[in-house]
Amino acid sequence: MILFYIALGFFALMSIVTFALYASDKKKAKKGDRRIPERTLLLCSFFGGAIGGFLAMQIKRHKTKAEHWYFTVVNLLGIAWQVAALVLLFIFKPF
């Protein structure tokens, strides 16, 4: 069960970081400043921060245009595997 809580904490922390990155990128876009690379945003979303990335897309209205369709796909795939991982850890309790 401890592994479940570690994973949950990791996903929560990554979601907070990812949300902050998306929000920062949106702010930089409005100012015309140097942006956070899309690759960084996508990697953070997929590898733990998908919920934060998806929420930032909805709340901050960032990367939601049709030409950024892959942000939605990556975030939804990330949510799917992260929730599945938590469910499996909860059910099977490896440690």
PDB file of N, CA and C in Angstrom:
ATOM      1  N   MET A   1       0.826  -1.201   0.000  1.00  0.00           N
ATOM      2  CA  MET A   1       0.000   0.000   0.000  1.00  0.00           C
ATOM      3  C   MET A   1       0.867   1.260   0.000  1.00  0.00           C
ATOM      4  N   ILE A   2       2.077   1.139   0.531  1.00  0.00           N
ATOM      5  CA  ILE A   2       2.960   2.302   0.591  1.00  0.00           C
ATOM      6  C   ILE A   2       3.313   2.785  -0.816  1.00  0.00           C
ATOM      7  N   LEU A   3       3.455   1.849  -1.752  1.00  0.00           N
ATOM      8  CA  LEU A   3       3.769   2.217  -3.135  1.00  0.00           C
ATOM      9  C   LEU A   3       2.632   3.024  -3.766  1.00  0.00           C
ATOM     10  N   PHE A   4       1.411   2.698  -3.401  1.00  0.00           N
ATOM     11  CA  PHE A   4       0.251   3.450  -3.888  1.00  0.00           C
ATOM     12  C   PHE A   4       0.347   4.907  -3.440  1.00  0.00           C
ATOM     13  N   TYR A   5       0.662   5.120  -2.161  1.00  0.00           N
ATOM     14  CA  TYR A   5       0.738   6.489  -1.645  1.00  0.00           C
ATOM     15  C   TYR A   5       1.933   7.251  -2.222  1.00  0.00           C
ATOM     16  N   ILE A   6       3.025   6.561  -2.469  1.00  0.00           N
ATOM     17  CA  ILE A   6       4.177   7.207  -3.107  1.00  0.00           C
ATOM     18  C   ILE A   6       3.808   7.649  -4.519  1.00  0.00           C
ATOM     19  N   ALA A   7       3.163   6.759  -5.275  1.00  0.00           N
ATOM     20  CA  ALA A   7       2.751   7.092  -6.638  1.00  0.00           C
ATOM     21  C   ALA A   7       1.731   8.230  -6.630  1.00  0.00           C
ATOM     22  N   LEU A   8       0.780   8.175  -5.718  1.00  0.00           N
ATOM     23  CA  LEU A   8      -0.227   9.222  -5.618  1.00  0.00           C
ATOM     24  C   LEU A   8       0.423  10.572  -5.321  1.00  0.00           C
ATOM     25  N   GLY A   9       1.358  10.579  -4.398  1.00  0.00           N
ATOM     26  CA  GLY A   9       2.078  11.810  -4.072  1.00  0.00           C
ATOM     27  C   GLY A   9       2.893  12.329  -5.244  1.00  0.00           C
ATOM     28  N   PHE A  10       3.538  11.406  -5.951  1.00  0.00           N
ATOM     29  CA  PHE A  10       4.329  11.793  -7.119  1.00  0.00           C
ATOM     30  C   PHE A  10       3.438  12.420  -8.191  1.00  0.00           C
ATOM     31  N   PHE A  11       2.306  11.766  -8.489  1.00  0.00           N
ATOM     32  CA  PHE A  11       1.402  12.288  -9.510  1.00  0.00           C
ATOM     33  C   PHE A  11       0.818  13.643  -9.088  1.00  0.00           C
ATOM     34  N   ALA A  12       0.520  13.795  -7.815  1.00  0.00           N
ATOM     35  CA  ALA A  12      -0.005  15.072  -7.322  1.00  0.00           C
ATOM     36  C   ALA A  12       1.043  16.178  -7.462  1.00  0.00           C
ATOM     37  N   LEU A  13       2.268  15.892  -7.056  1.00  0.00           N
ATOM     38  CA  LEU A  13       3.343  16.880  -7.153  1.00  0.00           C
ATOM     39  C   LEU A  13       3.626  17.231  -8.612  1.00  0.00           C
ATOM     40  N   MET A  14       3.690  16.222  -9.471  1.00  0.00           N
ATOM     41  CA  MET A  14       3.930  16.472 -10.894  1.00  0.00           C
ATOM     42  C   MET A  14       2.789  17.276 -11.516  1.00  0.00           C
ATOM     43  N   SER A  15       1.568  17.038 -11.071  1.00  0.00           N
ATOM     44  CA  SER A  15       0.434  17.794 -11.602  1.00  0.00           C
ATOM     45  C   SER A  15       0.518  19.261 -11.201  1.00  0.00           C
ATOM     46  N   ILE A  16       0.946  19.529  -9.990  1.00  0.00           N
ATOM     47  CA  ILE A  16       1.115  20.915  -9.538  1.00  0.00           C
ATOM     48  C   ILE A  16       2.211  21.601 -10.349  1.00  0.00           C
ATOM     49  N   VAL A  17       3.329  20.913 -10.533  1.00  0.00           N
ATOM     50  CA  VAL A  17       4.442  21.473 -11.316  1.00  0.00           C
ATOM     51  C   VAL A  17       4.011  21.707 -12.757  1.00  0.00           C
ATOM     52  N   THR A  18       3.319  20.738 -13.337  1.00  0.00           N
ATOM     53  CA  THR A  18       2.889  20.851 -14.724  1.00  0.00           C
ATOM     54  C   THR A  18       1.882  21.986 -14.894  1.00  0.00           C
ATOM     55  N   PHE A  19       0.937  22.104 -13.970  1.00  0.00           N
ATOM     56  CA  PHE A  19      -0.011  23.213 -14.021  1.00  0.00           C
ATOM     57  C   PHE A  19       0.745  24.541 -13.997  1.00  0.00           C
ATOM     58  N   ALA A  20       1.731  24.645 -13.115  1.00  0.00           N
ATOM     59  CA  ALA A  20       2.507  25.887 -13.012  1.00  0.00           C
ATOM     60  C   ALA A  20       3.277  26.169 -14.304  1.00  0.00           C
ATOM     61  N   LEU A  21       3.804  25.128 -14.942  1.00  0.00           N
ATOM     62  CA  LEU A  21       4.522  25.314 -16.202  1.00  0.00           C
ATOM     63  C   LEU A  21       3.592  25.815 -17.307  1.00  0.00           C
ATOM     64  N   TYR A  22       2.419  25.205 -17.418  1.00  0.00           N
ATOM     65  CA  TYR A  22       1.448  25.649 -18.417  1.00  0.00           C
ATOM     66  C   TYR A  22       1.034  27.097 -18.147  1.00  0.00           C
ATOM     67  N   ALA A  23       0.768  27.421 -16.888  1.00  0.00           N
ATOM     68  CA  ALA A  23       0.356  28.788 -16.532  1.00  0.00           C
ATOM     69  C   ALA A  23       1.469  29.782 -16.846  1.00  0.00           C
ATOM     70  N   SER A  24       2.698  29.408 -16.531  1.00  0.00           N
ATOM     71  CA  SER A  24       3.836  30.273 -16.816  1.00  0.00           C
ATOM     72  C   SER A  24       4.008  30.474 -18.322  1.00  0.00           C
ATOM     73  N   ASP A  25       3.840  29.401 -19.084  1.00  0.00           N
ATOM     74  CA  ASP A  25       3.966  29.509 -20.534  1.00  0.00           C
ATOM     75  C   ASP A  25       2.880  30.417 -21.116  1.00  0.00           C
ATOM     76  N   LYS A  26       1.679  30.309 -20.589  1.00  0.00           N
ATOM     77  CA  LYS A  26       0.580  31.170 -21.046  1.00  0.00           C
ATOM     78  C   LYS A  26       0.911  32.638 -20.773  1.00  0.00           C
ATOM     79  N   LYS A  27       1.433  32.897 -19.583  1.00  0.00           N
ATOM     80  CA  LYS A  27       1.796  34.267 -19.207  1.00  0.00           C
ATOM     81  C   LYS A  27       2.902  34.798 -20.126  1.00  0.00           C
ATOM     82  N   LYS A  28       3.894  33.947 -20.403  1.00  0.00           N
ATOM     83  CA  LYS A  28       4.984  34.344 -21.296  1.00  0.00           C
ATOM     84  C   LYS A  28       4.476  34.580 -22.713  1.00  0.00           C
ATOM     85  N   ALA A  29       3.517  33.784 -23.147  1.00  0.00           N
ATOM     86  CA  ALA A  29       2.948  33.951 -24.488  1.00  0.00           C
ATOM     87  C   ALA A  29       2.260  35.305 -24.619  1.00  0.00           C
ATOM     88  N   LYS A  30       1.540  35.697 -23.580  1.00  0.00           N
ATOM     89  CA  LYS A  30       0.850  36.989 -23.611  1.00  0.00           C
ATOM     90  C   LYS A  30       1.837  38.156 -23.637  1.00  0.00           C
ATOM     91  N   LYS A  31       2.966  37.991 -22.922  1.00  0.00           N
ATOM     92  CA  LYS A  31       3.970  39.057 -22.853  1.00  0.00           C
ATOM     93  C   LYS A  31       4.897  39.071 -24.068  1.00  0.00           C
ATOM     94  N   GLY A  32       4.953  37.966 -24.784  1.00  0.00           N
ATOM     95  CA  GLY A  32       5.889  37.868 -25.901  1.00  0.00           C
ATOM     96  C   GLY A  32       7.277  37.449 -25.467  1.00  0.00           C
ATOM     97  N   ASP A  33       7.388  36.912 -24.259  1.00  0.00           N
ATOM     98  CA  ASP A  33       8.675  36.459 -23.744  1.00  0.00           C
ATOM     99  C   ASP A  33       9.048  35.093 -24.320  1.00  0.00           C
ATOM    100  N   ARG A  34      10.254  34.668 -24.002  1.00  0.00           N
ATOM    101  CA  ARG A  34      10.722  33.349 -24.426  1.00  0.00           C
ATOM    102  C   ARG A  34       9.872  32.271 -23.753  1.00  0.00           C
ATOM    103  N   ARG A  35       9.392  31.303 -24.556  1.00  0.00           N
ATOM    104  CA  ARG A  35       8.423  30.313 -24.096  1.00  0.00           C
ATOM    105  C   ARG A  35       9.072  29.047 -23.576  1.00  0.00           C
ATOM    106  N   ILE A  36       8.293  28.274 -22.836  1.00  0.00           N
ATOM    107  CA  ILE A  36       8.693  26.938 -22.402  1.00  0.00           C
ATOM    108  C   ILE A  36       8.485  26.012 -23.602  1.00  0.00           C
ATOM    109  N   PRO A  37       9.480  25.197 -23.954  1.00  0.00           N
ATOM    110  CA  PRO A  37       9.326  24.315 -25.122  1.00  0.00           C
ATOM    111  C   PRO A  37       8.116  23.379 -24.984  1.00  0.00           C
ATOM    112  N   GLU A  38       7.421  23.172 -26.092  1.00  0.00           N
ATOM    113  CA  GLU A  38       6.265  22.272 -26.083  1.00  0.00           C
ATOM    114  C   GLU A  38       6.660  20.882 -25.599  1.00  0.00           C
ATOM    115  N   ARG A  39       7.844  20.448 -25.978  1.00  0.00           N
ATOM    116  CA  ARG A  39       8.330  19.125 -25.567  1.00  0.00           C
ATOM    117  C   ARG A  39       8.354  19.004 -24.039  1.00  0.00           C
ATOM    118  N   THR A  40       8.796  20.048 -23.362  1.00  0.00           N
ATOM    119  CA  THR A  40       8.849  20.042 -21.900  1.00  0.00           C
ATOM    120  C   THR A  40       7.443  19.905 -21.312  1.00  0.00           C
ATOM    121  N   LEU A  41       6.508  20.683 -21.854  1.00  0.00           N
ATOM    122  CA  LEU A  41       5.127  20.620 -21.368  1.00  0.00           C
ATOM    123  C   LEU A  41       4.544  19.229 -21.582  1.00  0.00           C
ATOM    124  N   LEU A  42       4.761  18.662 -22.761  1.00  0.00           N
ATOM    125  CA  LEU A  42       4.216  17.342 -23.075  1.00  0.00           C
ATOM    126  C   LEU A  42       4.846  16.244 -22.228  1.00  0.00           C
ATOM    127  N   LEU A  43       6.150  16.303 -22.031  1.00  0.00           N
ATOM    128  CA  LEU A  43       6.825  15.286 -21.208  1.00  0.00           C
ATOM    129  C   LEU A  43       6.363  15.352 -19.752  1.00  0.00           C
ATOM    130  N   CYS A  44       6.246  16.560 -19.231  1.00  0.00           N
ATOM    131  CA  CYS A  44       5.769  16.701 -17.849  1.00  0.00           C
ATOM    132  C   CYS A  44       4.342  16.185 -17.706  1.00  0.00           C
ATOM    133  N   SER A  45       3.523  16.451 -18.705  1.00  0.00           N
ATOM    134  CA  SER A  45       2.147  15.962 -18.668  1.00  0.00           C
ATOM    135  C   SER A  45       2.105  14.445 -18.703  1.00  0.00           C
ATOM    136  N   PHE A  46       2.805  13.858 -19.658  1.00  0.00           N
ATOM    137  CA  PHE A  46       2.707  12.409 -19.836  1.00  0.00           C
ATOM    138  C   PHE A  46       3.336  11.635 -18.689  1.00  0.00           C
ATOM    139  N   PHE A  47       4.446  12.115 -18.176  1.00  0.00           N
ATOM    140  CA  PHE A  47       5.157  11.383 -17.129  1.00  0.00           C
ATOM    141  C   PHE A  47       4.808  11.858 -15.728  1.00  0.00           C
ATOM    142  N   GLY A  48       3.527  11.971 -15.448  1.00  0.00           N
ATOM    143  CA  GLY A  48       3.091  12.198 -14.089  1.00  0.00           C
ATOM    144  C   GLY A  48       2.172  13.374 -13.852  1.00  0.00           C
ATOM    145  N   GLY A  49       2.189  14.366 -14.726  1.00  0.00           N
ATOM    146  CA  GLY A  49       1.411  15.565 -14.455  1.00  0.00           C
ATOM    147  C   GLY A  49       0.234  15.797 -15.378  1.00  0.00           C
ATOM    148  N   ALA A  50      -0.354  14.730 -15.884  1.00  0.00           N
ATOM    149  CA  ALA A  50      -1.423  14.866 -16.876  1.00  0.00           C
ATOM    150  C   ALA A  50      -2.658  15.588 -16.337  1.00  0.00           C
ATOM    151  N   ILE A  51      -3.010  15.325 -15.113  1.00  0.00           N
ATOM    152  CA  ILE A  51      -4.188  15.997 -14.552  1.00  0.00           C
ATOM    153  C   ILE A  51      -3.927  17.506 -14.451  1.00  0.00           C
ATOM    154  N   GLY A  52      -2.765  17.876 -13.991  1.00  0.00           N
ATOM    155  CA  GLY A  52      -2.412  19.294 -13.926  1.00  0.00           C
ATOM    156  C   GLY A  52      -2.346  19.940 -15.288  1.00  0.00           C
ATOM    157  N   GLY A  53      -1.791  19.217 -16.270  1.00  0.00           N
ATOM    158  CA  GLY A  53      -1.728  19.739 -17.631  1.00  0.00           C
ATOM    159  C   GLY A  53      -3.105  19.936 -18.229  1.00  0.00           C
ATOM    160  N   PHE A  54      -3.967  18.943 -18.040  1.00  0.00           N
ATOM    161  CA  PHE A  54      -5.323  19.034 -18.584  1.00  0.00           C
ATOM    162  C   PHE A  54      -6.111  20.155 -17.906  1.00  0.00           C
ATOM    163  N   LEU A  55      -5.983  20.266 -16.597  1.00  0.00           N
ATOM    164  CA  LEU A  55      -6.672  21.343 -15.876  1.00  0.00           C
ATOM    165  C   LEU A  55      -6.171  22.719 -16.319  1.00  0.00           C
ATOM    166  N   ALA A  56      -4.870  22.840 -16.521  1.00  0.00           N
ATOM    167  CA  ALA A  56      -4.309  24.118 -16.976  1.00  0.00           C
ATOM    168  C   ALA A  56      -4.831  24.474 -18.362  1.00  0.00           C
ATOM    169  N   MET A  57      -4.968  23.459 -19.220  1.00  0.00           N
ATOM    170  CA  MET A  57      -5.508  23.719 -20.548  1.00  0.00           C
ATOM    171  C   MET A  57      -6.925  24.277 -20.455  1.00  0.00           C
ATOM    172  N   GLN A  58      -7.711  23.740 -19.540  1.00  0.00           N
ATOM    173  CA  GLN A  58      -9.099  24.178 -19.411  1.00  0.00           C
ATOM    174  C   GLN A  58      -9.223  25.509 -18.672  1.00  0.00           C
ATOM    175  N   ILE A  59      -8.517  25.641 -17.577  1.00  0.00           N
ATOM    176  CA  ILE A  59      -8.637  26.840 -16.738  1.00  0.00           C
ATOM    177  C   ILE A  59      -7.938  28.044 -17.376  1.00  0.00           C
ATOM    178  N   LYS A  60      -6.734  27.840 -17.868  1.00  0.00           N
ATOM    179  CA  LYS A  60      -5.954  28.938 -18.456  1.00  0.00           C
ATOM    180  C   LYS A  60      -6.211  29.111 -19.949  1.00  0.00           C
ATOM    181  N   ARG A  61      -6.998  28.206 -20.542  1.00  0.00           N
ATOM    182  CA  ARG A  61      -7.288  28.230 -21.977  1.00  0.00           C
ATOM    183  C   ARG A  61      -5.995  28.266 -22.793  1.00  0.00           C
ATOM    184  N   HIS A  62      -5.082  27.370 -22.448  1.00  0.00           N
ATOM    185  CA  HIS A  62      -3.766  27.325 -23.079  1.00  0.00           C
ATOM    186  C   HIS A  62      -3.609  26.038 -23.870  1.00  0.00           C
ATOM    187  N   LYS A  63      -3.133  26.153 -25.078  1.00  0.00           N
ATOM    188  CA  LYS A  63      -2.892  25.022 -25.989  1.00  0.00           C
ATOM    189  C   LYS A  63      -4.190  24.294 -26.316  1.00  0.00           C
ATOM    190  N   THR A  64      -5.249  25.044 -26.538  1.00  0.00           N
ATOM    191  CA  THR A  64      -6.546  24.429 -26.818  1.00  0.00           C
ATOM    192  C   THR A  64      -6.992  24.633 -28.277  1.00  0.00           C
ATOM    193  N   LYS A  65      -6.219  25.339 -29.076  1.00  0.00           N
ATOM    194  CA  LYS A  65      -6.584  25.533 -30.481  1.00  0.00           C
ATOM    195  C   LYS A  65      -6.461  24.211 -31.234  1.00  0.00           C
ATOM    196  N   ALA A  66      -7.116  24.137 -32.373  1.00  0.00           N
ATOM    197  CA  ALA A  66      -7.149  22.906 -33.162  1.00  0.00           C
ATOM    198  C   ALA A  66      -5.747  22.432 -33.553  1.00  0.00           C
ATOM    199  N   GLU A  67      -4.835  23.344 -33.812  1.00  0.00           N
ATOM    200  CA  GLU A  67      -3.491  22.929 -34.212  1.00  0.00           C
ATOM    201  C   GLU A  67      -2.676  22.336 -33.054  1.00  0.00           C
ATOM    202  N   HIS A  68      -3.181  22.441 -31.853  1.00  0.00           N
ATOM    203  CA  HIS A  68      -2.525  21.844 -30.681  1.00  0.00           C
ATOM    204  C   HIS A  68      -3.286  20.620 -30.175  1.00  0.00           C
ATOM    205  N   TRP A  69      -3.917  19.901 -31.064  1.00  0.00           N
ATOM    206  CA  TRP A  69      -4.718  18.724 -30.710  1.00  0.00           C
ATOM    207  C   TRP A  69      -3.913  17.697 -29.933  1.00  0.00           C
ATOM    208  N   TYR A  70      -2.616  17.602 -30.224  1.00  0.00           N
ATOM    209  CA  TYR A  70      -1.776  16.598 -29.577  1.00  0.00           C
ATOM    210  C   TYR A  70      -1.607  16.853 -28.077  1.00  0.00           C
ATOM    211  N   PHE A  71      -1.800  18.076 -27.614  1.00  0.00           N
ATOM    212  CA  PHE A  71      -1.762  18.333 -26.176  1.00  0.00           C
ATOM    213  C   PHE A  71      -2.928  17.636 -25.477  1.00  0.00           C
ATOM    214  N   THR A  72      -4.096  17.703 -26.067  1.00  0.00           N
ATOM    215  CA  THR A  72      -5.254  17.012 -25.500  1.00  0.00           C
ATOM    216  C   THR A  72      -5.027  15.511 -25.499  1.00  0.00           C
ATOM    217  N   VAL A  73      -4.527  14.982 -26.595  1.00  0.00           N
ATOM    218  CA  VAL A  73      -4.285  13.538 -26.703  1.00  0.00           C
ATOM    219  C   VAL A  73      -3.270  13.074 -25.661  1.00  0.00           C
ATOM    220  N   VAL A  74      -2.158  13.774 -25.553  1.00  0.00           N
ATOM    221  CA  VAL A  74      -1.111  13.381 -24.598  1.00  0.00           C
ATOM    222  C   VAL A  74      -1.630  13.473 -23.168  1.00  0.00           C
ATOM    223  N   ASN A  75      -2.363  14.521 -22.856  1.00  0.00           N
ATOM    224  CA  ASN A  75      -2.891  14.653 -21.492  1.00  0.00           C
ATOM    225  C   ASN A  75      -3.907  13.564 -21.173  1.00  0.00           C
ATOM    226  N   LEU A  76      -4.789  13.246 -22.110  1.00  0.00           N
ATOM    227  CA  LEU A  76      -5.783  12.199 -21.858  1.00  0.00           C
ATOM    228  C   LEU A  76      -5.126  10.821 -21.758  1.00  0.00           C
ATOM    229  N   LEU A  77      -4.141  10.554 -22.611  1.00  0.00           N
ATOM    230  CA  LEU A  77      -3.401   9.284 -22.488  1.00  0.00           C
ATOM    231  C   LEU A  77      -2.652   9.225 -21.155  1.00  0.00           C
ATOM    232  N   GLY A  78      -2.075  10.339 -20.762  1.00  0.00           N
ATOM    233  CA  GLY A  78      -1.377  10.390 -19.477  1.00  0.00           C
ATOM    234  C   GLY A  78      -2.317  10.147 -18.311  1.00  0.00           C
ATOM    235  N   ILE A  79      -3.478  10.776 -18.344  1.00  0.00           N
ATOM    236  CA  ILE A  79      -4.466  10.541 -17.287  1.00  0.00           C
ATOM    237  C   ILE A  79      -4.848   9.073 -17.250  1.00  0.00           C
ATOM    238  N   ALA A  80      -5.056   8.486 -18.422  1.00  0.00           N
ATOM    239  CA  ALA A  80      -5.470   7.081 -18.483  1.00  0.00           C
ATOM    240  C   ALA A  80      -4.437   6.165 -17.846  1.00  0.00           C
ATOM    241  N   TRP A  81      -3.152   6.323 -18.205  1.00  0.00           N
ATOM    242  CA  TRP A  81      -2.164   5.399 -17.649  1.00  0.00           C
ATOM    243  C   TRP A  81      -1.886   5.697 -16.178  1.00  0.00           C
ATOM    244  N   GLN A  82      -1.973   6.953 -15.775  1.00  0.00           N
ATOM    245  CA  GLN A  82      -1.709   7.284 -14.378  1.00  0.00           C
ATOM    246  C   GLN A  82      -2.819   6.772 -13.467  1.00  0.00           C
ATOM    247  N   VAL A  83      -4.066   6.912 -13.892  1.00  0.00           N
ATOM    248  CA  VAL A  83      -5.183   6.367 -13.113  1.00  0.00           C
ATOM    249  C   VAL A  83      -5.114   4.847 -13.087  1.00  0.00           C
ATOM    250  N   ALA A  84      -4.797   4.234 -14.230  1.00  0.00           N
ATOM    251  CA  ALA A  84      -4.673   2.772 -14.285  1.00  0.00           C
ATOM    252  C   ALA A  84      -3.573   2.281 -13.339  1.00  0.00           C
ATOM    253  N   ALA A  85      -2.457   2.991 -13.313  1.00  0.00           N
ATOM    254  CA  ALA A  85      -1.365   2.606 -12.417  1.00  0.00           C
ATOM    255  C   ALA A  85      -1.803   2.685 -10.955  1.00  0.00           C
ATOM    256  N   LEU A  86      -2.508   3.749 -10.595  1.00  0.00           N
ATOM    257  CA  LEU A  86      -2.984   3.887  -9.221  1.00  0.00           C
ATOM    258  C   LEU A  86      -3.996   2.789  -8.869  1.00  0.00           C
ATOM    259  N   VAL A  87      -4.894   2.487  -9.786  1.00  0.00           N
ATOM    260  CA  VAL A  87      -5.888   1.430  -9.542  1.00  0.00           C
ATOM    261  C   VAL A  87      -5.187   0.088  -9.342  1.00  0.00           C
ATOM    262  N   LEU A  88      -4.233  -0.224 -10.205  1.00  0.00           N
ATOM    263  CA  LEU A  88      -3.509  -1.499 -10.078  1.00  0.00           C
ATOM    264  C   LEU A  88      -2.725  -1.574  -8.765  1.00  0.00           C
ATOM    265  N   LEU A  89      -2.081  -0.472  -8.406  1.00  0.00           N
ATOM    266  CA  LEU A  89      -1.341  -0.461  -7.136  1.00  0.00           C
ATOM    267  C   LEU A  89      -2.287  -0.612  -5.949  1.00  0.00           C
ATOM    268  N   PHE A  90      -3.453  -0.030  -6.038  1.00  0.00           N
ATOM    269  CA  PHE A  90      -4.425  -0.129  -4.956  1.00  0.00           C
ATOM    270  C   PHE A  90      -4.986  -1.542  -4.834  1.00  0.00           C
ATOM    271  N   ILE A  91      -5.270  -2.152  -5.978  1.00  0.00           N
ATOM    272  CA  ILE A  91      -5.867  -3.492  -5.971  1.00  0.00           C
ATOM    273  C   ILE A  91      -4.866  -4.552  -5.563  1.00  0.00           C
ATOM    274  N   PHE A  92      -3.683  -4.533  -6.164  1.00  0.00           N
ATOM    275  CA  PHE A  92      -2.720  -5.617  -5.958  1.00  0.00           C
ATOM    276  C   PHE A  92      -1.789  -5.408  -4.773  1.00  0.00           C
ATOM    277  N   LYS A  93      -1.655  -4.198  -4.285  1.00  0.00           N
ATOM    278  CA  LYS A  93      -0.845  -3.885  -3.101  1.00  0.00           C
ATOM    279  C   LYS A  93       0.480  -4.661  -3.091  1.00  0.00           C
ATOM    280  N   PRO A  94       1.406  -4.321  -4.002  1.00  0.00           N
ATOM    281  CA  PRO A  94       2.655  -5.099  -4.097  1.00  0.00           C
ATOM    282  C   PRO A  94       3.534  -5.016  -2.854  1.00  0.00           C
ATOM    283  N   PHE A  95       3.438  -3.913  -2.080  1.00  0.00           N
ATOM    284  CA  PHE A  95       4.259  -3.794  -0.861  1.00  0.00           C
ATOM    285  C   PHE A  95       3.408  -3.332   0.286  1.00  0.00           C
TER     286      PHE A  95
END
